[in-house]
Amino acid sequence: MEPQQEGITRALTPGEVNLARSVFGSTIFYQSVLVHCDSYLPFGLQNQYTAMSPNGELYFRRALYRPDFTVHHLAQHLFIHEMAHVWQHQRGMWVRTRGLLSWAVSYQYRLDRLLLREYSMEQQASIIADYFYLKKFGVSDFIGLYGRNYSGIVDRSTLSKFQPIIRSAGLPL
């Protein structure tokens, strides 16, 4: 696939809305979400391989941007992670402020807490994206997932370990 020209702004595709709805249900106002192929930071300072969603919109540089994030498994995982930040933003979390420190926090997590809110902002997004991927693509694909942040044993029981945490946030299972 040829990289897109930066400067593009678009609404979510119908497929992206359906994909996000499978994770977040009706807890996101999807019509207000825009997807940018551009740097959120001035002067193009956003790294080419860093996605950002500090203000309820998604910002991807050319290397990560897709015209439709539903087409590829890895793109779906990244998309759901970023949509988790939209979900956090729309629920009142100060994503922009907390995001300033994202470079210094771990995205890695263990499922050793009861509630999603007990994890950091990035860990929450990682848990949601990893749960989505494990549920949709299964244990075999999850084991080999580049970008997986779960630290723990992965087997057939792993999905059930995520479910109470996902349920604690009011998200559909």
N, C-alpha and C. Protein backbone atom coordinates (compact mmCIF):
# COMPACT_ATOMS: atom_id res chain seq x y z
N MET A 1 0.84 -1.18 0.00
CA MET A 1 0.00 0.00 0.00
C MET A 1 0.88 1.25 0.00
N GLU A 2 0.57 2.17 -0.85
CA GLU A 2 1.33 3.41 -0.94
C GLU A 2 0.93 4.35 0.19
N PRO A 3 1.91 4.98 0.85
CA PRO A 3 1.58 5.90 1.94
C PRO A 3 0.71 7.06 1.47
N GLN A 4 -0.15 7.51 2.36
CA GLN A 4 -1.04 8.64 2.08
C GLN A 4 -0.28 9.95 2.21
N GLN A 5 -0.78 10.94 1.54
CA GLN A 5 -0.28 12.30 1.69
C GLN A 5 -0.75 12.83 3.05
N GLU A 6 0.10 13.48 3.78
CA GLU A 6 -0.33 14.05 5.05
C GLU A 6 -1.20 15.27 4.81
N GLY A 7 -2.01 15.60 5.80
CA GLY A 7 -2.93 16.72 5.70
C GLY A 7 -4.37 16.28 5.50
N ILE A 8 -4.60 14.97 5.43
CA ILE A 8 -5.95 14.43 5.25
C ILE A 8 -6.67 14.41 6.59
N THR A 9 -7.93 14.81 6.58
CA THR A 9 -8.81 14.67 7.73
C THR A 9 -10.10 14.05 7.22
N ARG A 10 -10.59 13.04 7.93
CA ARG A 10 -11.80 12.35 7.50
C ARG A 10 -12.59 11.88 8.70
N ALA A 11 -13.85 11.54 8.45
CA ALA A 11 -14.68 10.91 9.47
C ALA A 11 -14.32 9.43 9.54
N LEU A 12 -14.79 8.76 10.56
CA LEU A 12 -14.63 7.31 10.63
C LEU A 12 -15.39 6.67 9.48
N THR A 13 -14.84 5.60 8.92
CA THR A 13 -15.57 4.85 7.89
C THR A 13 -16.68 4.05 8.57
N PRO A 14 -17.70 3.63 7.82
CA PRO A 14 -18.74 2.78 8.42
C PRO A 14 -18.15 1.52 9.06
N GLY A 15 -17.14 0.93 8.43
CA GLY A 15 -16.50 -0.25 8.99
C GLY A 15 -15.80 0.04 10.31
N GLU A 16 -15.15 1.19 10.39
CA GLU A 16 -14.48 1.58 11.64
C GLU A 16 -15.48 1.83 12.75
N VAL A 17 -16.61 2.44 12.41
CA VAL A 17 -17.65 2.65 13.42
C VAL A 17 -18.15 1.31 13.93
N ASN A 18 -18.41 0.37 13.02
CA ASN A 18 -18.88 -0.95 13.43
C ASN A 18 -17.84 -1.67 14.29
N LEU A 19 -16.58 -1.57 13.91
CA LEU A 19 -15.51 -2.19 14.68
C LEU A 19 -15.44 -1.59 16.08
N ALA A 20 -15.44 -0.28 16.16
CA ALA A 20 -15.38 0.39 17.47
C ALA A 20 -16.63 0.10 18.29
N ARG A 21 -17.77 0.05 17.64
CA ARG A 21 -19.02 -0.24 18.35
C ARG A 21 -18.99 -1.65 18.97
N SER A 22 -18.26 -2.58 18.33
CA SER A 22 -18.16 -3.94 18.87
C SER A 22 -17.41 -3.95 20.20
N VAL A 23 -16.62 -2.93 20.45
CA VAL A 23 -15.83 -2.83 21.68
C VAL A 23 -16.47 -1.85 22.68
N PHE A 24 -16.88 -0.70 22.18
CA PHE A 24 -17.33 0.39 23.05
C PHE A 24 -18.84 0.57 23.08
N GLY A 25 -19.57 -0.20 22.26
CA GLY A 25 -21.02 -0.06 22.22
C GLY A 25 -21.41 1.36 21.87
N SER A 26 -22.37 1.88 22.59
CA SER A 26 -22.86 3.24 22.32
C SER A 26 -22.24 4.26 23.29
N THR A 27 -21.11 3.93 23.90
CA THR A 27 -20.47 4.83 24.86
C THR A 27 -19.61 5.91 24.21
N ILE A 28 -19.47 5.87 22.88
CA ILE A 28 -18.72 6.89 22.14
C ILE A 28 -19.67 7.59 21.18
N PHE A 29 -19.54 8.91 21.08
CA PHE A 29 -20.27 9.69 20.08
C PHE A 29 -19.42 9.66 18.81
N TYR A 30 -19.66 8.67 17.97
CA TYR A 30 -18.80 8.38 16.82
C TYR A 30 -18.80 9.50 15.78
N GLN A 31 -19.90 10.22 15.66
CA GLN A 31 -19.99 11.27 14.65
C GLN A 31 -18.99 12.40 14.88
N SER A 32 -18.53 12.55 16.11
CA SER A 32 -17.61 13.65 16.41
C SER A 32 -16.14 13.27 16.25
N VAL A 33 -15.87 12.01 15.95
CA VAL A 33 -14.49 11.53 15.86
C VAL A 33 -13.95 11.75 14.45
N LEU A 34 -12.83 12.44 14.37
CA LEU A 34 -12.14 12.64 13.10
C LEU A 34 -10.82 11.88 13.12
N VAL A 35 -10.40 11.45 11.93
CA VAL A 35 -9.13 10.74 11.76
C VAL A 35 -8.24 11.62 10.90
N HIS A 36 -7.04 11.90 11.39
CA HIS A 36 -6.10 12.77 10.69
C HIS A 36 -4.89 11.96 10.22
N CYS A 37 -4.48 12.20 9.01
CA CYS A 37 -3.16 11.75 8.54
C CYS A 37 -2.27 12.98 8.63
N ASP A 38 -1.75 13.20 9.82
CA ASP A 38 -1.00 14.42 10.09
C ASP A 38 -0.40 14.34 11.48
N SER A 39 0.47 15.26 11.79
CA SER A 39 1.05 15.36 13.12
C SER A 39 0.13 16.20 14.00
N TYR A 40 -0.16 15.71 15.19
CA TYR A 40 -0.89 16.52 16.15
C TYR A 40 0.02 17.64 16.66
N LEU A 41 1.28 17.32 16.80
CA LEU A 41 2.24 18.29 17.33
C LEU A 41 2.68 19.26 16.23
N PRO A 42 2.96 20.49 16.61
CA PRO A 42 3.39 21.48 15.60
C PRO A 42 4.71 21.09 14.95
N PHE A 43 4.90 21.58 13.76
CA PHE A 43 6.14 21.39 13.00
C PHE A 43 6.44 19.92 12.71
N GLY A 44 5.40 19.09 12.70
CA GLY A 44 5.59 17.68 12.39
C GLY A 44 6.38 16.91 13.44
N LEU A 45 6.32 17.35 14.69
CA LEU A 45 7.13 16.74 15.75
C LEU A 45 6.63 15.37 16.21
N GLN A 46 5.41 14.99 15.84
CA GLN A 46 4.91 13.66 16.20
C GLN A 46 5.70 12.62 15.41
N ASN A 47 6.26 11.66 16.11
CA ASN A 47 7.04 10.60 15.48
C ASN A 47 6.21 9.86 14.43
N GLN A 48 6.85 9.43 13.34
CA GLN A 48 6.16 8.73 12.25
C GLN A 48 5.48 7.45 12.73
N TYR A 49 5.98 6.84 13.78
CA TYR A 49 5.45 5.57 14.26
C TYR A 49 4.75 5.71 15.61
N THR A 50 4.21 6.89 15.85
CA THR A 50 3.46 7.16 17.07
C THR A 50 2.09 7.70 16.70
N ALA A 51 1.05 7.04 17.19
CA ALA A 51 -0.31 7.53 17.02
C ALA A 51 -0.66 8.33 18.27
N MET A 52 -1.52 9.33 18.11
CA MET A 52 -1.94 10.17 19.24
C MET A 52 -3.43 10.45 19.12
N SER A 53 -4.10 10.48 20.26
CA SER A 53 -5.52 10.82 20.30
C SER A 53 -5.81 11.66 21.54
N PRO A 54 -5.21 12.85 21.64
CA PRO A 54 -5.29 13.63 22.87
C PRO A 54 -6.58 14.42 23.05
N ASN A 55 -7.33 14.62 21.98
CA ASN A 55 -8.47 15.53 22.05
C ASN A 55 -9.76 14.93 21.50
N GLY A 56 -9.85 13.61 21.51
CA GLY A 56 -11.04 12.96 20.98
C GLY A 56 -10.98 12.72 19.48
N GLU A 57 -9.84 13.03 18.87
CA GLU A 57 -9.62 12.77 17.45
C GLU A 57 -8.34 11.95 17.33
N LEU A 58 -8.19 11.21 16.23
CA LEU A 58 -7.06 10.32 16.03
C LEU A 58 -6.07 10.93 15.06
N TYR A 59 -4.80 10.92 15.45
CA TYR A 59 -3.72 11.48 14.63
C TYR A 59 -2.69 10.40 14.33
N PHE A 60 -2.53 10.10 13.05
CA PHE A 60 -1.55 9.14 12.60
C PHE A 60 -0.65 9.82 11.58
N ARG A 61 0.64 9.62 11.70
CA ARG A 61 1.54 10.07 10.65
C ARG A 61 1.41 9.12 9.47
N ARG A 62 1.99 9.49 8.38
CA ARG A 62 1.85 8.76 7.12
C ARG A 62 2.20 7.27 7.26
N ALA A 63 3.20 6.95 8.06
CA ALA A 63 3.64 5.55 8.19
C ALA A 63 2.58 4.65 8.81
N LEU A 64 1.72 5.18 9.67
CA LEU A 64 0.71 4.38 10.36
C LEU A 64 -0.70 4.58 9.82
N TYR A 65 -0.94 5.67 9.12
CA TYR A 65 -2.29 6.00 8.66
C TYR A 65 -2.81 4.94 7.68
N ARG A 66 -4.11 4.64 7.78
CA ARG A 66 -4.80 3.77 6.84
C ARG A 66 -6.11 4.44 6.43
N PRO A 67 -6.48 4.35 5.15
CA PRO A 67 -7.77 4.89 4.72
C PRO A 67 -8.94 4.18 5.41
N ASP A 68 -8.70 2.94 5.84
CA ASP A 68 -9.70 2.17 6.58
C ASP A 68 -8.94 1.20 7.49
N PHE A 69 -9.04 1.41 8.79
CA PHE A 69 -8.28 0.62 9.74
C PHE A 69 -8.84 -0.78 9.96
N THR A 70 -9.95 -1.11 9.31
CA THR A 70 -10.54 -2.44 9.49
C THR A 70 -9.89 -3.49 8.60
N VAL A 71 -9.06 -3.08 7.66
CA VAL A 71 -8.56 -4.00 6.64
C VAL A 71 -7.52 -4.99 7.17
N HIS A 72 -6.70 -4.60 8.12
CA HIS A 72 -5.60 -5.45 8.59
C HIS A 72 -5.67 -5.64 10.10
N HIS A 73 -5.32 -6.83 10.58
CA HIS A 73 -5.38 -7.16 12.01
C HIS A 73 -4.60 -6.18 12.88
N LEU A 74 -3.34 -5.92 12.52
CA LEU A 74 -2.52 -5.02 13.34
C LEU A 74 -3.08 -3.61 13.35
N ALA A 75 -3.61 -3.17 12.22
CA ALA A 75 -4.22 -1.84 12.15
C ALA A 75 -5.44 -1.77 13.06
N GLN A 76 -6.20 -2.86 13.14
CA GLN A 76 -7.37 -2.89 14.03
C GLN A 76 -6.94 -2.75 15.48
N HIS A 77 -5.88 -3.43 15.87
CA HIS A 77 -5.39 -3.35 17.25
C HIS A 77 -4.99 -1.92 17.59
N LEU A 78 -4.23 -1.29 16.71
CA LEU A 78 -3.82 0.10 16.92
C LEU A 78 -5.03 1.02 16.96
N PHE A 79 -5.96 0.82 16.04
CA PHE A 79 -7.17 1.65 15.97
C PHE A 79 -7.97 1.55 17.27
N ILE A 80 -8.17 0.34 17.78
CA ILE A 80 -8.93 0.18 19.03
C ILE A 80 -8.18 0.81 20.20
N HIS A 81 -6.86 0.70 20.23
CA HIS A 81 -6.08 1.36 21.28
C HIS A 81 -6.34 2.87 21.25
N GLU A 82 -6.28 3.46 20.07
CA GLU A 82 -6.50 4.91 19.95
C GLU A 82 -7.95 5.28 20.24
N MET A 83 -8.88 4.43 19.82
CA MET A 83 -10.30 4.70 20.14
C MET A 83 -10.55 4.61 21.64
N ALA A 84 -9.74 3.82 22.34
CA ALA A 84 -9.85 3.79 23.81
C ALA A 84 -9.53 5.16 24.39
N HIS A 85 -8.58 5.87 23.78
CA HIS A 85 -8.28 7.23 24.24
C HIS A 85 -9.43 8.19 23.91
N VAL A 86 -10.10 7.98 22.79
CA VAL A 86 -11.30 8.77 22.48
C VAL A 86 -12.36 8.49 23.54
N TRP A 87 -12.56 7.23 23.87
CA TRP A 87 -13.53 6.83 24.89
C TRP A 87 -13.18 7.49 26.23
N GLN A 88 -11.89 7.47 26.60
CA GLN A 88 -11.45 8.11 27.84
C GLN A 88 -11.74 9.61 27.80
N HIS A 89 -11.40 10.24 26.69
CA HIS A 89 -11.61 11.68 26.52
C HIS A 89 -13.09 12.03 26.65
N GLN A 90 -13.94 11.27 25.97
CA GLN A 90 -15.37 11.57 26.01
C GLN A 90 -15.99 11.28 27.37
N ARG A 91 -15.32 10.52 28.20
CA ARG A 91 -15.78 10.25 29.57
C ARG A 91 -15.18 11.22 30.58
N GLY A 92 -14.40 12.19 30.11
CA GLY A 92 -13.90 13.23 30.99
C GLY A 92 -12.46 13.10 31.43
N MET A 93 -11.75 12.06 30.99
CA MET A 93 -10.34 11.94 31.36
C MET A 93 -9.54 13.02 30.63
N TRP A 94 -8.58 13.57 31.28
CA TRP A 94 -7.73 14.60 30.68
C TRP A 94 -6.63 13.91 29.89
N VAL A 95 -7.01 13.39 28.74
CA VAL A 95 -6.09 12.59 27.92
C VAL A 95 -4.90 13.42 27.46
N ARG A 96 -5.15 14.65 27.05
CA ARG A 96 -4.06 15.51 26.58
C ARG A 96 -3.02 15.72 27.68
N THR A 97 -3.47 16.05 28.87
CA THR A 97 -2.56 16.30 29.99
C THR A 97 -1.80 15.04 30.38
N ARG A 98 -2.53 13.93 30.53
CA ARG A 98 -1.88 12.68 30.89
C ARG A 98 -0.95 12.19 29.78
N GLY A 99 -1.33 12.48 28.55
CA GLY A 99 -0.52 12.07 27.41
C GLY A 99 0.85 12.72 27.37
N LEU A 100 0.98 13.88 28.00
CA LEU A 100 2.28 14.54 28.05
C LEU A 100 3.33 13.67 28.73
N LEU A 101 2.86 12.78 29.60
CA LEU A 101 3.77 11.91 30.33
C LEU A 101 3.82 10.50 29.77
N SER A 102 3.11 10.25 28.66
CA SER A 102 3.02 8.89 28.12
C SER A 102 4.37 8.27 27.80
N TRP A 103 5.32 9.09 27.40
CA TRP A 103 6.64 8.58 27.07
C TRP A 103 7.32 7.96 28.29
N ALA A 104 6.88 8.36 29.48
CA ALA A 104 7.53 7.92 30.70
C ALA A 104 6.78 6.80 31.42
N VAL A 105 5.63 6.38 30.90
CA VAL A 105 4.85 5.36 31.58
C VAL A 105 4.89 4.05 30.79
N SER A 106 4.62 2.98 31.48
CA SER A 106 4.62 1.68 30.84
C SER A 106 3.25 1.36 30.26
N TYR A 107 3.25 0.81 29.08
CA TYR A 107 2.03 0.30 28.47
C TYR A 107 1.81 -1.15 28.90
N GLN A 108 2.86 -1.77 29.45
CA GLN A 108 2.80 -3.16 29.89
C GLN A 108 1.91 -3.28 31.13
N TYR A 109 1.23 -4.40 31.25
CA TYR A 109 0.35 -4.60 32.40
C TYR A 109 0.22 -6.08 32.70
N ARG A 110 -0.19 -6.35 33.92
CA ARG A 110 -0.61 -7.68 34.36
C ARG A 110 -2.07 -7.54 34.77
N LEU A 111 -2.80 -8.59 34.67
CA LEU A 111 -4.22 -8.54 35.06
C LEU A 111 -4.33 -8.86 36.55
N ASP A 112 -3.80 -7.96 37.37
CA ASP A 112 -3.74 -8.18 38.81
C ASP A 112 -4.58 -7.18 39.60
N ARG A 113 -5.40 -6.42 38.91
CA ARG A 113 -6.29 -5.46 39.56
C ARG A 113 -7.72 -5.78 39.16
N LEU A 114 -8.67 -5.30 39.93
CA LEU A 114 -10.07 -5.65 39.68
C LEU A 114 -10.76 -4.72 38.69
N LEU A 115 -10.40 -3.44 38.70
CA LEU A 115 -11.12 -2.44 37.93
C LEU A 115 -10.22 -1.81 36.87
N LEU A 116 -10.79 -1.52 35.72
CA LEU A 116 -10.02 -0.88 34.65
C LEU A 116 -9.45 0.45 35.11
N ARG A 117 -10.22 1.20 35.90
CA ARG A 117 -9.77 2.53 36.32
C ARG A 117 -8.55 2.48 37.25
N GLU A 118 -8.19 1.31 37.75
CA GLU A 118 -7.01 1.17 38.60
C GLU A 118 -5.70 1.11 37.80
N TYR A 119 -5.82 1.08 36.48
CA TYR A 119 -4.65 1.06 35.61
C TYR A 119 -4.41 2.46 35.05
N SER A 120 -3.19 2.71 34.59
CA SER A 120 -2.87 4.00 33.99
C SER A 120 -3.63 4.18 32.67
N MET A 121 -3.64 5.39 32.17
CA MET A 121 -4.34 5.70 30.92
C MET A 121 -3.88 4.79 29.78
N GLU A 122 -2.58 4.65 29.60
CA GLU A 122 -2.06 3.83 28.51
C GLU A 122 -2.30 2.35 28.76
N GLN A 123 -2.22 1.92 30.00
CA GLN A 123 -2.52 0.53 30.30
C GLN A 123 -3.99 0.22 30.03
N GLN A 124 -4.89 1.15 30.35
CA GLN A 124 -6.31 0.95 30.04
C GLN A 124 -6.52 0.73 28.55
N ALA A 125 -5.91 1.60 27.74
CA ALA A 125 -6.05 1.48 26.29
C ALA A 125 -5.44 0.17 25.79
N SER A 126 -4.33 -0.23 26.37
CA SER A 126 -3.70 -1.50 26.00
C SER A 126 -4.57 -2.69 26.37
N ILE A 127 -5.16 -2.66 27.56
CA ILE A 127 -6.04 -3.74 28.00
C ILE A 127 -7.22 -3.88 27.05
N ILE A 128 -7.85 -2.76 26.72
CA ILE A 128 -9.01 -2.79 25.83
C ILE A 128 -8.62 -3.33 24.46
N ALA A 129 -7.50 -2.84 23.90
CA ALA A 129 -7.07 -3.28 22.57
C ALA A 129 -6.66 -4.75 22.58
N ASP A 130 -5.95 -5.17 23.62
CA ASP A 130 -5.53 -6.57 23.70
C ASP A 130 -6.74 -7.49 23.88
N TYR A 131 -7.68 -7.10 24.72
CA TYR A 131 -8.91 -7.89 24.90
C TYR A 131 -9.64 -8.04 23.57
N PHE A 132 -9.81 -6.92 22.86
CA PHE A 132 -10.47 -6.96 21.55
C PHE A 132 -9.77 -7.96 20.63
N TYR A 133 -8.45 -7.86 20.55
CA TYR A 133 -7.69 -8.69 19.61
C TYR A 133 -7.77 -10.17 20.00
N LEU A 134 -7.62 -10.45 21.27
CA LEU A 134 -7.71 -11.83 21.75
C LEU A 134 -9.09 -12.41 21.47
N LYS A 135 -10.12 -11.64 21.74
CA LYS A 135 -11.49 -12.10 21.52
C LYS A 135 -11.78 -12.32 20.04
N LYS A 136 -11.31 -11.42 19.19
CA LYS A 136 -11.63 -11.50 17.76
C LYS A 136 -10.77 -12.51 17.01
N PHE A 137 -9.48 -12.59 17.33
CA PHE A 137 -8.56 -13.39 16.52
C PHE A 137 -8.04 -14.64 17.22
N GLY A 138 -8.29 -14.78 18.52
CA GLY A 138 -7.93 -16.02 19.21
C GLY A 138 -6.53 -16.03 19.81
N VAL A 139 -6.30 -17.07 20.59
CA VAL A 139 -5.06 -17.22 21.36
C VAL A 139 -3.84 -17.29 20.45
N SER A 140 -3.89 -18.07 19.38
CA SER A 140 -2.71 -18.25 18.51
C SER A 140 -2.24 -16.92 17.94
N ASP A 141 -3.17 -16.13 17.40
CA ASP A 141 -2.81 -14.82 16.86
C ASP A 141 -2.34 -13.88 17.96
N PHE A 142 -2.98 -13.96 19.12
CA PHE A 142 -2.63 -13.07 20.23
C PHE A 142 -1.20 -13.33 20.71
N ILE A 143 -0.80 -14.58 20.75
CA ILE A 143 0.56 -14.92 21.19
C ILE A 143 1.59 -14.25 20.31
N GLY A 144 1.33 -14.18 19.01
CA GLY A 144 2.28 -13.60 18.08
C GLY A 144 2.08 -12.12 17.79
N LEU A 145 1.16 -11.49 18.51
CA LEU A 145 0.81 -10.09 18.22
C LEU A 145 1.95 -9.15 18.56
N TYR A 146 2.44 -8.45 17.55
CA TYR A 146 3.41 -7.39 17.77
C TYR A 146 2.65 -6.19 18.33
N GLY A 147 3.04 -5.70 19.47
CA GLY A 147 2.33 -4.58 20.08
C GLY A 147 1.48 -5.01 21.26
N ARG A 148 1.45 -6.31 21.54
CA ARG A 148 0.70 -6.80 22.70
C ARG A 148 1.43 -6.33 23.95
N ASN A 149 0.68 -5.84 24.92
CA ASN A 149 1.28 -5.31 26.14
C ASN A 149 0.99 -6.14 27.38
N TYR A 150 0.25 -7.22 27.22
CA TYR A 150 -0.09 -8.11 28.33
C TYR A 150 1.13 -8.90 28.76
N SER A 151 1.43 -8.87 30.06
CA SER A 151 2.51 -9.66 30.63
C SER A 151 1.89 -10.75 31.48
N GLY A 152 1.85 -11.92 30.96
CA GLY A 152 1.26 -13.04 31.68
C GLY A 152 1.15 -14.25 30.78
N ILE A 153 0.72 -15.34 31.33
CA ILE A 153 0.55 -16.57 30.57
C ILE A 153 -0.62 -16.40 29.62
N VAL A 154 -0.42 -16.81 28.37
CA VAL A 154 -1.49 -16.75 27.37
C VAL A 154 -1.91 -18.17 27.04
N ASP A 155 -3.15 -18.48 27.37
CA ASP A 155 -3.73 -19.78 27.03
C ASP A 155 -5.23 -19.60 26.85
N ARG A 156 -5.96 -20.71 26.79
CA ARG A 156 -7.40 -20.61 26.53
C ARG A 156 -8.16 -19.90 27.65
N SER A 157 -7.59 -19.80 28.82
CA SER A 157 -8.28 -19.14 29.94
C SER A 157 -8.02 -17.63 30.00
N THR A 158 -7.12 -17.14 29.17
CA THR A 158 -6.70 -15.74 29.26
C THR A 158 -7.86 -14.78 29.01
N LEU A 159 -8.70 -15.07 28.03
CA LEU A 159 -9.83 -14.19 27.72
C LEU A 159 -10.71 -13.98 28.95
N SER A 160 -10.95 -15.04 29.71
CA SER A 160 -11.82 -14.92 30.89
C SER A 160 -11.18 -14.06 31.98
N LYS A 161 -9.86 -13.91 31.97
CA LYS A 161 -9.19 -13.04 32.94
C LYS A 161 -9.42 -11.56 32.62
N PHE A 162 -9.59 -11.25 31.34
CA PHE A 162 -9.85 -9.87 30.93
C PHE A 162 -11.28 -9.44 31.26
N GLN A 163 -12.22 -10.37 31.18
CA GLN A 163 -13.64 -10.01 31.19
C GLN A 163 -14.11 -9.23 32.41
N PRO A 164 -13.73 -9.58 33.63
CA PRO A 164 -14.19 -8.76 34.77
C PRO A 164 -13.68 -7.31 34.71
N ILE A 165 -12.48 -7.13 34.20
CA ILE A 165 -11.90 -5.79 34.10
C ILE A 165 -12.63 -4.98 33.04
N ILE A 166 -12.91 -5.60 31.90
CA ILE A 166 -13.67 -4.95 30.83
C ILE A 166 -15.08 -4.62 31.33
N ARG A 167 -15.69 -5.57 32.01
CA ARG A 167 -17.05 -5.37 32.55
C ARG A 167 -17.07 -4.22 33.56
N SER A 168 -15.99 -4.06 34.34
CA SER A 168 -15.95 -3.00 35.36
C SER A 168 -16.05 -1.61 34.76
N ALA A 169 -15.70 -1.49 33.47
CA ALA A 169 -15.76 -0.19 32.79
C ALA A 169 -17.08 0.01 32.05
N GLY A 170 -17.96 -0.97 32.14
CA GLY A 170 -19.25 -0.85 31.47
C GLY A 170 -19.19 -1.11 29.98
N LEU A 171 -18.12 -1.75 29.53
CA LEU A 171 -17.98 -2.05 28.11
C LEU A 171 -18.60 -3.41 27.81
N PRO A 172 -19.12 -3.58 26.59
CA PRO A 172 -19.72 -4.87 26.24
C PRO A 172 -18.66 -5.96 26.16
N LEU A 173 -19.04 -7.16 26.53
CA LEU A 173 -18.13 -8.30 26.43
C LEU A 173 -18.31 -8.93 25.08
